[in-house]
């Protein structure tokens, strides 16, 4: 089961994931016109190979066309899995990073 919590602050969309990210749930996660997105996976339990490929491709496409995505991952579980997406330790650091770009 997957739960998401989304919050929009100062031009940045924060998406917090809790649960399992799978082929059936990943496509609805990032379906927006926002320029800056923080994907917080601190409470993600598992991720399947389809979701890994999907998120890596989405990040590349997203950055080529309209903005930037970063992953908030304090446990660093995504380091080897989500190679194409920049990592950051916490949402505050992500906020500071994007604040400089806005």
PDB file of N, CA and C in Angstrom:
ATOM      1  N   UNK A   1       0.843  -1.183   0.000  1.00  0.00           N
ATOM      2  CA  UNK A   1       0.000   0.000   0.000  1.00  0.00           C
ATOM      3  C   UNK A   1       0.885   1.242   0.000  1.00  0.00           C
ATOM      4  N   UNK A   2       0.450   2.241  -0.720  1.00  0.00           N
ATOM      5  CA  UNK A   2       1.215   3.475  -0.834  1.00  0.00           C
ATOM      6  C   UNK A   2       0.360   4.651  -0.394  1.00  0.00           C
ATOM      7  N   UNK A   3       0.963   5.511   0.416  1.00  0.00           N
ATOM      8  CA  UNK A   3       0.323   6.766   0.810  1.00  0.00           C
ATOM      9  C   UNK A   3       1.261   7.893   0.411  1.00  0.00           C
ATOM     10  N   UNK A   4       0.683   8.973  -0.073  1.00  0.00           N
ATOM     11  CA  UNK A   4       1.488  10.144  -0.400  1.00  0.00           C
ATOM     12  C   UNK A   4       0.914  11.363   0.299  1.00  0.00           C
ATOM     13  N   UNK A   5       1.803  12.257   0.639  1.00  0.00           N
ATOM     14  CA  UNK A   5       1.436  13.536   1.222  1.00  0.00           C
ATOM     15  C   UNK A   5       2.125  14.582   0.372  1.00  0.00           C
ATOM     16  N   UNK A   6       1.365  15.516  -0.163  1.00  0.00           N
ATOM     17  CA  UNK A   6       1.936  16.554  -1.008  1.00  0.00           C
ATOM     18  C   UNK A   6       1.720  17.913  -0.380  1.00  0.00           C
ATOM     19  N   UNK A   7       2.763  18.721  -0.469  1.00  0.00           N
ATOM     20  CA  UNK A   7       2.699  20.073   0.077  1.00  0.00           C
ATOM     21  C   UNK A   7       3.420  21.001  -0.885  1.00  0.00           C
ATOM     22  N   UNK A   8       2.798  22.116  -1.195  1.00  0.00           N
ATOM     23  CA  UNK A   8       3.383  23.105  -2.095  1.00  0.00           C
ATOM     24  C   UNK A   8       3.768  24.328  -1.274  1.00  0.00           C
ATOM     25  N   UNK A   9       5.074  24.646  -1.278  1.00  0.00           N
ATOM     26  CA  UNK A   9       5.561  25.812  -0.541  1.00  0.00           C
ATOM     27  C   UNK A   9       6.550  26.585  -1.391  1.00  0.00           C
ATOM     28  N   UNK A  10       6.274  27.852  -1.563  1.00  0.00           N
ATOM     29  CA  UNK A  10       7.173  28.786  -2.237  1.00  0.00           C
ATOM     30  C   UNK A  10       7.715  28.243  -3.556  1.00  0.00           C
ATOM     31  N   UNK A  11       6.826  27.695  -4.384  1.00  0.00           N
ATOM     32  CA  UNK A  11       7.210  27.231  -5.709  1.00  0.00           C
ATOM     33  C   UNK A  11       7.802  25.837  -5.761  1.00  0.00           C
ATOM     34  N   UNK A  12       7.794  25.125  -4.654  1.00  0.00           N
ATOM     35  CA  UNK A  12       8.370  23.778  -4.591  1.00  0.00           C
ATOM     36  C   UNK A  12       7.289  22.797  -4.162  1.00  0.00           C
ATOM     37  N   UNK A  13       7.168  21.688  -4.900  1.00  0.00           N
ATOM     38  CA  UNK A  13       6.236  20.636  -4.531  1.00  0.00           C
ATOM     39  C   UNK A  13       6.996  19.562  -3.758  1.00  0.00           C
ATOM     40  N   UNK A  14       6.586  19.332  -2.527  1.00  0.00           N
ATOM     41  CA  UNK A  14       7.161  18.284  -1.690  1.00  0.00           C
ATOM     42  C   UNK A  14       6.224  17.083  -1.749  1.00  0.00           C
ATOM     43  N   UNK A  15       6.743  15.939  -2.179  1.00  0.00           N
ATOM     44  CA  UNK A  15       5.964  14.706  -2.237  1.00  0.00           C
ATOM     45  C   UNK A  15       6.594  13.724  -1.266  1.00  0.00           C
ATOM     46  N   UNK A  16       5.828  13.348  -0.245  1.00  0.00           N
ATOM     47  CA  UNK A  16       6.326  12.405   0.768  1.00  0.00           C
ATOM     48  C   UNK A  16       5.672  11.051   0.535  1.00  0.00           C
ATOM     49  N   UNK A  17       6.506  10.032   0.389  1.00  0.00           N
ATOM     50  CA  UNK A  17       6.025   8.688   0.081  1.00  0.00           C
ATOM     51  C   UNK A  17       6.123   7.813   1.314  1.00  0.00           C
ATOM     52  N   UNK A  18       5.044   7.092   1.594  1.00  0.00           N
ATOM     53  CA  UNK A  18       5.053   6.114   2.678  1.00  0.00           C
ATOM     54  C   UNK A  18       4.469   4.821   2.135  1.00  0.00           C
ATOM     55  N   UNK A  19       5.256   3.768   2.190  1.00  0.00           N
ATOM     56  CA  UNK A  19       4.773   2.472   1.716  1.00  0.00           C
ATOM     57  C   UNK A  19       5.623   1.912   0.607  1.00  0.00           C
ATOM     58  N   UNK A  20       4.986   1.103  -0.226  1.00  0.00           N
ATOM     59  CA  UNK A  20       5.667   0.386  -1.299  1.00  0.00           C
ATOM     60  C   UNK A  20       5.448   1.082  -2.637  1.00  0.00           C
ATOM     61  N   UNK A  21       6.533   1.346  -3.331  1.00  0.00           N
ATOM     62  CA  UNK A  21       6.457   1.963  -4.648  1.00  0.00           C
ATOM     63  C   UNK A  21       6.601   0.854  -5.677  1.00  0.00           C
ATOM     64  N   UNK A  22       5.568   0.686  -6.520  1.00  0.00           N
ATOM     65  CA  UNK A  22       5.545  -0.413  -7.480  1.00  0.00           C
ATOM     66  C   UNK A  22       5.023   0.068  -8.823  1.00  0.00           C
ATOM     67  N   UNK A  23       5.018  -0.831  -9.761  1.00  0.00           N
ATOM     68  CA  UNK A  23       4.520  -0.545 -11.112  1.00  0.00           C
ATOM     69  C   UNK A  23       3.105   0.049 -11.060  1.00  0.00           C
ATOM     70  N   UNK A  24       2.300  -0.433 -10.153  1.00  0.00           N
ATOM     71  CA  UNK A  24       0.906   0.018 -10.064  1.00  0.00           C
ATOM     72  C   UNK A  24       0.758   1.387  -9.422  1.00  0.00           C
ATOM     73  N   UNK A  25       1.744   1.836  -8.648  1.00  0.00           N
ATOM     74  CA  UNK A  25       1.594   3.085  -7.903  1.00  0.00           C
ATOM     75  C   UNK A  25       2.503   4.216  -8.367  1.00  0.00           C
ATOM     76  N   UNK A  26       3.576   3.924  -9.057  1.00  0.00           N
ATOM     77  CA  UNK A  26       4.578   4.946  -9.355  1.00  0.00           C
ATOM     78  C   UNK A  26       4.103   5.996 -10.357  1.00  0.00           C
ATOM     79  N   UNK A  27       3.284   5.623 -11.310  1.00  0.00           N
ATOM     80  CA  UNK A  27       2.917   6.557 -12.379  1.00  0.00           C
ATOM     81  C   UNK A  27       2.108   7.747 -11.908  1.00  0.00           C
ATOM     82  N   UNK A  28       1.381   7.621 -10.831  1.00  0.00           N
ATOM     83  CA  UNK A  28       0.587   8.738 -10.347  1.00  0.00           C
ATOM     84  C   UNK A  28       1.328   9.664  -9.396  1.00  0.00           C
ATOM     85  N   UNK A  29       2.557   9.328  -9.063  1.00  0.00           N
ATOM     86  CA  UNK A  29       3.315  10.101  -8.078  1.00  0.00           C
ATOM     87  C   UNK A  29       3.660  11.490  -8.602  1.00  0.00           C
ATOM     88  N   UNK A  30       4.309  11.556  -9.740  1.00  0.00           N
ATOM     89  CA  UNK A  30       4.735  12.846 -10.287  1.00  0.00           C
ATOM     90  C   UNK A  30       3.979  13.078 -11.578  1.00  0.00           C
ATOM     91  N   UNK A  31       2.856  13.720 -11.446  1.00  0.00           N
ATOM     92  CA  UNK A  31       2.007  14.032 -12.585  1.00  0.00           C
ATOM     93  C   UNK A  31       1.570  15.485 -12.421  1.00  0.00           C
ATOM     94  N   UNK A  32       2.542  16.373 -12.583  1.00  0.00           N
ATOM     95  CA  UNK A  32       2.245  17.774 -12.296  1.00  0.00           C
ATOM     96  C   UNK A  32       3.027  18.699 -13.210  1.00  0.00           C
ATOM     97  N   UNK A  33       2.678  19.955 -13.164  1.00  0.00           N
ATOM     98  CA  UNK A  33       3.364  20.968 -13.960  1.00  0.00           C
ATOM     99  C   UNK A  33       4.288  21.819 -13.106  1.00  0.00           C
ATOM    100  N   UNK A  34       4.698  21.316 -11.977  1.00  0.00           N
ATOM    101  CA  UNK A  34       5.571  22.075 -11.098  1.00  0.00           C
ATOM    102  C   UNK A  34       6.996  22.060 -11.627  1.00  0.00           C
ATOM    103  N   UNK A  35       7.729  23.110 -11.336  1.00  0.00           N
ATOM    104  CA  UNK A  35       9.098  23.222 -11.818  1.00  0.00           C
ATOM    105  C   UNK A  35      10.093  22.540 -10.884  1.00  0.00           C
ATOM    106  N   UNK A  36       9.863  22.617  -9.590  1.00  0.00           N
ATOM    107  CA  UNK A  36      10.778  22.036  -8.607  1.00  0.00           C
ATOM    108  C   UNK A  36      10.028  21.031  -7.749  1.00  0.00           C
ATOM    109  N   UNK A  37      10.588  19.818  -7.668  1.00  0.00           N
ATOM    110  CA  UNK A  37       9.937  18.744  -6.915  1.00  0.00           C
ATOM    111  C   UNK A  37      10.949  18.078  -5.990  1.00  0.00           C
ATOM    112  N   UNK A  38      10.527  17.880  -4.744  1.00  0.00           N
ATOM    113  CA  UNK A  38      11.303  17.121  -3.766  1.00  0.00           C
ATOM    114  C   UNK A  38      10.530  15.839  -3.492  1.00  0.00           C
ATOM    115  N   UNK A  39      11.151  14.705  -3.784  1.00  0.00           N
ATOM    116  CA  UNK A  39      10.548  13.400  -3.558  1.00  0.00           C
ATOM    117  C   UNK A  39      11.168  12.815  -2.301  1.00  0.00           C
ATOM    118  N   UNK A  40      10.409  12.837  -1.210  1.00  0.00           N
ATOM    119  CA  UNK A  40      10.912  12.358   0.081  1.00  0.00           C
ATOM    120  C   UNK A  40      10.581  10.876   0.219  1.00  0.00           C
ATOM    121  N   UNK A  41      11.639  10.036   0.235  1.00  0.00           N
ATOM    122  CA  UNK A  41      11.433   8.589   0.328  1.00  0.00           C
ATOM    123  C   UNK A  41      11.879   8.032   1.678  1.00  0.00           C
ATOM    124  N   UNK A  42      11.981   8.868   2.669  1.00  0.00           N
ATOM    125  CA  UNK A  42      12.425   8.420   4.000  1.00  0.00           C
ATOM    126  C   UNK A  42      11.526   7.330   4.584  1.00  0.00           C
ATOM    127  N   UNK A  43      10.252   7.319   4.230  1.00  0.00           N
ATOM    128  CA  UNK A  43       9.319   6.327   4.761  1.00  0.00           C
ATOM    129  C   UNK A  43       8.851   5.323   3.710  1.00  0.00           C
ATOM    130  N   UNK A  44       9.643   5.195   2.657  1.00  0.00           N
ATOM    131  CA  UNK A  44       9.327   4.207   1.634  1.00  0.00           C
ATOM    132  C   UNK A  44       9.817   2.845   2.116  1.00  0.00           C
ATOM    133  N   UNK A  45       8.965   1.829   1.999  1.00  0.00           N
ATOM    134  CA  UNK A  45       9.330   0.487   2.472  1.00  0.00           C
ATOM    135  C   UNK A  45      10.078  -0.307   1.411  1.00  0.00           C
ATOM    136  N   UNK A  46       9.593  -0.244   0.160  1.00  0.00           N
ATOM    137  CA  UNK A  46      10.238  -0.990  -0.913  1.00  0.00           C
ATOM    138  C   UNK A  46       9.969  -0.310  -2.245  1.00  0.00           C
ATOM    139  N   UNK A  47      10.788  -0.692  -3.237  1.00  0.00           N
ATOM    140  CA  UNK A  47      10.638  -0.164  -4.589  1.00  0.00           C
ATOM    141  C   UNK A  47      10.988  -1.288  -5.555  1.00  0.00           C
ATOM    142  N   UNK A  48      10.164  -1.469  -6.582  1.00  0.00           N
ATOM    143  CA  UNK A  48      10.454  -2.523  -7.547  1.00  0.00           C
ATOM    144  C   UNK A  48      11.305  -1.983  -8.698  1.00  0.00           C
ATOM    145  N   UNK A  49      11.804  -2.886  -9.528  1.00  0.00           N
ATOM    146  CA  UNK A  49      12.716  -2.487 -10.608  1.00  0.00           C
ATOM    147  C   UNK A  49      12.025  -1.596 -11.628  1.00  0.00           C
ATOM    148  N   UNK A  50      10.740  -1.816 -11.878  1.00  0.00           N
ATOM    149  CA  UNK A  50      10.005  -0.959 -12.799  1.00  0.00           C
ATOM    150  C   UNK A  50       9.996   0.486 -12.302  1.00  0.00           C
ATOM    151  N   UNK A  51       9.738   0.669 -11.024  1.00  0.00           N
ATOM    152  CA  UNK A  51       9.673   2.013 -10.442  1.00  0.00           C
ATOM    153  C   UNK A  51      11.024   2.706 -10.489  1.00  0.00           C
ATOM    154  N   UNK A  52      12.084   1.954 -10.271  1.00  0.00           N
ATOM    155  CA  UNK A  52      13.433   2.521 -10.342  1.00  0.00           C
ATOM    156  C   UNK A  52      13.701   3.060 -11.743  1.00  0.00           C
ATOM    157  N   UNK A  53      13.430   2.249 -12.750  1.00  0.00           N
ATOM    158  CA  UNK A  53      13.641   2.679 -14.143  1.00  0.00           C
ATOM    159  C   UNK A  53      12.743   3.859 -14.489  1.00  0.00           C
ATOM    160  N   UNK A  54      11.492   3.793 -14.070  1.00  0.00           N
ATOM    161  CA  UNK A  54      10.533   4.849 -14.364  1.00  0.00           C
ATOM    162  C   UNK A  54      10.979   6.189 -13.766  1.00  0.00           C
ATOM    163  N   UNK A  55      11.378   6.192 -12.501  1.00  0.00           N
ATOM    164  CA  UNK A  55      11.794   7.438 -11.840  1.00  0.00           C
ATOM    165  C   UNK A  55      13.067   8.002 -12.446  1.00  0.00           C
ATOM    166  N   UNK A  56      14.025   7.151 -12.790  1.00  0.00           N
ATOM    167  CA  UNK A  56      15.257   7.631 -13.423  1.00  0.00           C
ATOM    168  C   UNK A  56      14.968   8.274 -14.778  1.00  0.00           C
ATOM    169  N   UNK A  57      14.129   7.637 -15.594  1.00  0.00           N
ATOM    170  CA  UNK A  57      13.766   8.195 -16.897  1.00  0.00           C
ATOM    171  C   UNK A  57      12.974   9.482 -16.738  1.00  0.00           C
ATOM    172  N   UNK A  58      12.046   9.488 -15.797  1.00  0.00           N
ATOM    173  CA  UNK A  58      11.225  10.668 -15.555  1.00  0.00           C
ATOM    174  C   UNK A  58      12.076  11.859 -15.139  1.00  0.00           C
ATOM    175  N   UNK A  59      13.040  11.617 -14.286  1.00  0.00           N
ATOM    176  CA  UNK A  59      13.911  12.692 -13.833  1.00  0.00           C
ATOM    177  C   UNK A  59      14.675  13.300 -15.002  1.00  0.00           C
ATOM    178  N   UNK A  60      15.220  12.464 -15.847  1.00  0.00           N
ATOM    179  CA  UNK A  60      15.967  12.955 -17.008  1.00  0.00           C
ATOM    180  C   UNK A  60      15.067  13.775 -17.923  1.00  0.00           C
ATOM    181  N   UNK A  61      13.898  13.245 -18.225  1.00  0.00           N
ATOM    182  CA  UNK A  61      12.944  13.952 -19.082  1.00  0.00           C
ATOM    183  C   UNK A  61      12.494  15.259 -18.437  1.00  0.00           C
ATOM    184  N   UNK A  62      12.214  15.212 -17.155  1.00  0.00           N
ATOM    185  CA  UNK A  62      11.747  16.386 -16.420  1.00  0.00           C
ATOM    186  C   UNK A  62      12.788  17.500 -16.466  1.00  0.00           C
ATOM    187  N   UNK A  63      14.034  17.167 -16.223  1.00  0.00           N
ATOM    188  CA  UNK A  63      15.090  18.175 -16.214  1.00  0.00           C
ATOM    189  C   UNK A  63      15.376  18.709 -17.607  1.00  0.00           C
ATOM    190  N   UNK A  64      15.183  17.896 -18.632  1.00  0.00           N
ATOM    191  CA  UNK A  64      15.386  18.348 -20.009  1.00  0.00           C
ATOM    192  C   UNK A  64      14.313  19.330 -20.450  1.00  0.00           C
ATOM    193  N   UNK A  65      13.127  19.209 -19.886  1.00  0.00           N
ATOM    194  CA  UNK A  65      12.018  20.017 -20.372  1.00  0.00           C
ATOM    195  C   UNK A  65      11.567  21.146 -19.467  1.00  0.00           C
ATOM    196  N   UNK A  66      11.639  20.967 -18.143  1.00  0.00           N
ATOM    197  CA  UNK A  66      10.986  22.005 -17.353  1.00  0.00           C
ATOM    198  C   UNK A  66      11.511  22.294 -15.966  1.00  0.00           C
ATOM    199  N   UNK A  67      12.291  21.459 -15.355  1.00  0.00           N
ATOM    200  CA  UNK A  67      12.640  21.762 -13.976  1.00  0.00           C
ATOM    201  C   UNK A  67      13.654  20.820 -13.375  1.00  0.00           C
ATOM    202  N   UNK A  68      13.492  20.568 -12.082  1.00  0.00           N
ATOM    203  CA  UNK A  68      14.451  19.750 -11.361  1.00  0.00           C
ATOM    204  C   UNK A  68      13.739  18.948 -10.278  1.00  0.00           C
ATOM    205  N   UNK A  69      14.165  17.695 -10.146  1.00  0.00           N
ATOM    206  CA  UNK A  69      13.677  16.805  -9.103  1.00  0.00           C
ATOM    207  C   UNK A  69      14.871  16.411  -8.243  1.00  0.00           C
ATOM    208  N   UNK A  70      14.687  16.401  -6.929  1.00  0.00           N
ATOM    209  CA  UNK A  70      15.691  15.849  -6.021  1.00  0.00           C
ATOM    210  C   UNK A  70      15.007  14.851  -5.096  1.00  0.00           C
ATOM    211  N   UNK A  71      15.810  13.918  -4.595  1.00  0.00           N
ATOM    212  CA  UNK A  71      15.301  12.919  -3.656  1.00  0.00           C
ATOM    213  C   UNK A  71      15.822  13.240  -2.274  1.00  0.00           C
ATOM    214  N   UNK A  72      14.911  13.301  -1.336  1.00  0.00           N
ATOM    215  CA  UNK A  72      15.261  13.449   0.068  1.00  0.00           C
ATOM    216  C   UNK A  72      15.340  12.042   0.640  1.00  0.00           C
ATOM    217  N   UNK A  73      16.540  11.657   1.067  1.00  0.00           N
ATOM    218  CA  UNK A  73      16.785  10.273   1.470  1.00  0.00           C
ATOM    219  C   UNK A  73      17.807  10.246   2.596  1.00  0.00           C
ATOM    220  N   UNK A  74      17.353  10.419   3.822  1.00  0.00           N
ATOM    221  CA  UNK A  74      18.280  10.490   4.949  1.00  0.00           C
ATOM    222  C   UNK A  74      18.974   9.163   5.229  1.00  0.00           C
ATOM    223  N   UNK A  75      18.391   8.051   4.769  1.00  0.00           N
ATOM    224  CA  UNK A  75      19.003   6.742   4.990  1.00  0.00           C
ATOM    225  C   UNK A  75      19.903   6.312   3.830  1.00  0.00           C
ATOM    226  N   UNK A  76      19.922   7.107   2.757  1.00  0.00           N
ATOM    227  CA  UNK A  76      20.780   6.887   1.600  1.00  0.00           C
ATOM    228  C   UNK A  76      20.513   5.541   0.917  1.00  0.00           C
ATOM    229  N   UNK A  77      19.258   5.085   0.955  1.00  0.00           N
ATOM    230  CA  UNK A  77      18.939   3.811   0.316  1.00  0.00           C
ATOM    231  C   UNK A  77      18.875   3.912  -1.200  1.00  0.00           C
ATOM    232  N   UNK A  78      18.722   5.108  -1.710  1.00  0.00           N
ATOM    233  CA  UNK A  78      18.554   5.281  -3.148  1.00  0.00           C
ATOM    234  C   UNK A  78      19.864   5.484  -3.892  1.00  0.00           C
ATOM    235  N   UNK A  79      20.968   5.555  -3.180  1.00  0.00           N
ATOM    236  CA  UNK A  79      22.248   5.900  -3.799  1.00  0.00           C
ATOM    237  C   UNK A  79      22.558   5.048  -5.026  1.00  0.00           C
ATOM    238  N   UNK A  80      22.433   3.746  -4.908  1.00  0.00           N
ATOM    239  CA  UNK A  80      22.760   2.874  -6.030  1.00  0.00           C
ATOM    240  C   UNK A  80      21.560   2.590  -6.932  1.00  0.00           C
ATOM    241  N   UNK A  81      20.351   2.838  -6.443  1.00  0.00           N
ATOM    242  CA  UNK A  81      19.154   2.519  -7.220  1.00  0.00           C
ATOM    243  C   UNK A  81      18.721   3.643  -8.149  1.00  0.00           C
ATOM    244  N   UNK A  82      18.630   4.830  -7.614  1.00  0.00           N
ATOM    245  CA  UNK A  82      18.147   5.983  -8.376  1.00  0.00           C
ATOM    246  C   UNK A  82      19.333   6.880  -8.713  1.00  0.00           C
ATOM    247  N   UNK A  83      20.167   6.381  -9.608  1.00  0.00           N
ATOM    248  CA  UNK A  83      21.449   7.020  -9.916  1.00  0.00           C
ATOM    249  C   UNK A  83      21.318   8.377 -10.595  1.00  0.00           C
ATOM    250  N   UNK A  84      20.286   8.547 -11.398  1.00  0.00           N
ATOM    251  CA  UNK A  84      20.162   9.761 -12.193  1.00  0.00           C
ATOM    252  C   UNK A  84      19.501  10.922 -11.461  1.00  0.00           C
ATOM    253  N   UNK A  85      19.035  10.684 -10.246  1.00  0.00           N
ATOM    254  CA  UNK A  85      18.320  11.727  -9.512  1.00  0.00           C
ATOM    255  C   UNK A  85      19.203  12.247  -8.381  1.00  0.00           C
ATOM    256  N   UNK A  86      19.425  13.557  -8.333  1.00  0.00           N
ATOM    257  CA  UNK A  86      20.248  14.119  -7.244  1.00  0.00           C
ATOM    258  C   UNK A  86      19.647  13.823  -5.873  1.00  0.00           C
ATOM    259  N   UNK A  87      20.516  13.590  -4.900  1.00  0.00           N
ATOM    260  CA  UNK A  87      20.087  13.257  -3.533  1.00  0.00           C
ATOM    261  C   UNK A  87      20.379  14.420  -2.594  1.00  0.00           C
ATOM    262  N   UNK A  88      19.580  14.493  -1.561  1.00  0.00           N
ATOM    263  CA  UNK A  88      19.765  15.496  -0.523  1.00  0.00           C
ATOM    264  C   UNK A  88      19.322  14.865   0.797  1.00  0.00           C
ATOM    265  N   UNK A  89      19.879  15.295   1.908  1.00  0.00           N
ATOM    266  CA  UNK A  89      19.619  14.634   3.187  1.00  0.00           C
ATOM    267  C   UNK A  89      18.263  14.930   3.807  1.00  0.00           C
ATOM    268  N   UNK A  90      17.769  16.154   3.638  1.00  0.00           N
ATOM    269  CA  UNK A  90      16.495  16.494   4.273  1.00  0.00           C
ATOM    270  C   UNK A  90      15.770  17.575   3.479  1.00  0.00           C
ATOM    271  N   UNK A  91      14.515  17.761   3.794  1.00  0.00           N
ATOM    272  CA  UNK A  91      13.699  18.715   3.051  1.00  0.00           C
ATOM    273  C   UNK A  91      14.175  20.153   3.219  1.00  0.00           C
ATOM    274  N   UNK A  92      14.708  20.467   4.363  1.00  0.00           N
ATOM    275  CA  UNK A  92      15.204  21.822   4.578  1.00  0.00           C
ATOM    276  C   UNK A  92      16.350  22.132   3.606  1.00  0.00           C
ATOM    277  N   UNK A  93      17.270  21.191   3.441  1.00  0.00           N
ATOM    278  CA  UNK A  93      18.372  21.395   2.488  1.00  0.00           C
ATOM    279  C   UNK A  93      17.849  21.517   1.059  1.00  0.00           C
ATOM    280  N   UNK A  94      16.828  20.743   0.717  1.00  0.00           N
ATOM    281  CA  UNK A  94      16.225  20.835  -0.609  1.00  0.00           C
ATOM    282  C   UNK A  94      15.583  22.199  -0.798  1.00  0.00           C
ATOM    283  N   UNK A  95      14.908  22.671   0.227  1.00  0.00           N
ATOM    284  CA  UNK A  95      14.278  23.983   0.164  1.00  0.00           C
ATOM    285  C   UNK A  95      15.333  25.068  -0.080  1.00  0.00           C
ATOM    286  N   UNK A  96      16.440  24.992   0.635  1.00  0.00           N
ATOM    287  CA  UNK A  96      17.517  25.971   0.460  1.00  0.00           C
ATOM    288  C   UNK A  96      18.123  25.887  -0.936  1.00  0.00           C
ATOM    289  N   UNK A  97      18.277  24.683  -1.468  1.00  0.00           N
ATOM    290  CA  UNK A  97      18.823  24.496  -2.811  1.00  0.00           C
ATOM    291  C   UNK A  97      17.929  25.153  -3.856  1.00  0.00           C
ATOM    292  N   UNK A  98      16.643  24.885  -3.802  1.00  0.00           N
ATOM    293  CA  UNK A  98      15.719  25.446  -4.790  1.00  0.00           C
ATOM    294  C   UNK A  98      15.496  26.930  -4.580  1.00  0.00           C
ATOM    295  N   UNK A  99      15.582  27.372  -3.368  1.00  0.00           N
ATOM    296  CA  UNK A  99      15.386  28.804  -3.083  1.00  0.00           C
ATOM    297  C   UNK A  99      16.414  29.645  -3.844  1.00  0.00           C
ATOM    298  N   UNK A 100      17.607  29.122  -3.992  1.00  0.00           N
ATOM    299  CA  UNK A 100      18.643  29.828  -4.760  1.00  0.00           C
ATOM    300  C   UNK A 100      18.329  29.887  -6.242  1.00  0.00           C
ATOM    301  N   UNK A 101      17.542  28.924  -6.743  1.00  0.00           N
ATOM    302  CA  UNK A 101      17.213  28.851  -8.158  1.00  0.00           C
ATOM    303  C   UNK A 101      16.010  29.694  -8.539  1.00  0.00           C
ATOM    304  N   UNK A 102      15.161  29.945  -7.544  1.00  0.00           N
ATOM    305  CA  UNK A 102      13.897  30.661  -7.820  1.00  0.00           C
ATOM    306  C   UNK A 102      14.159  32.131  -8.027  1.00  0.00           C
TER     307      UNK A 102
END
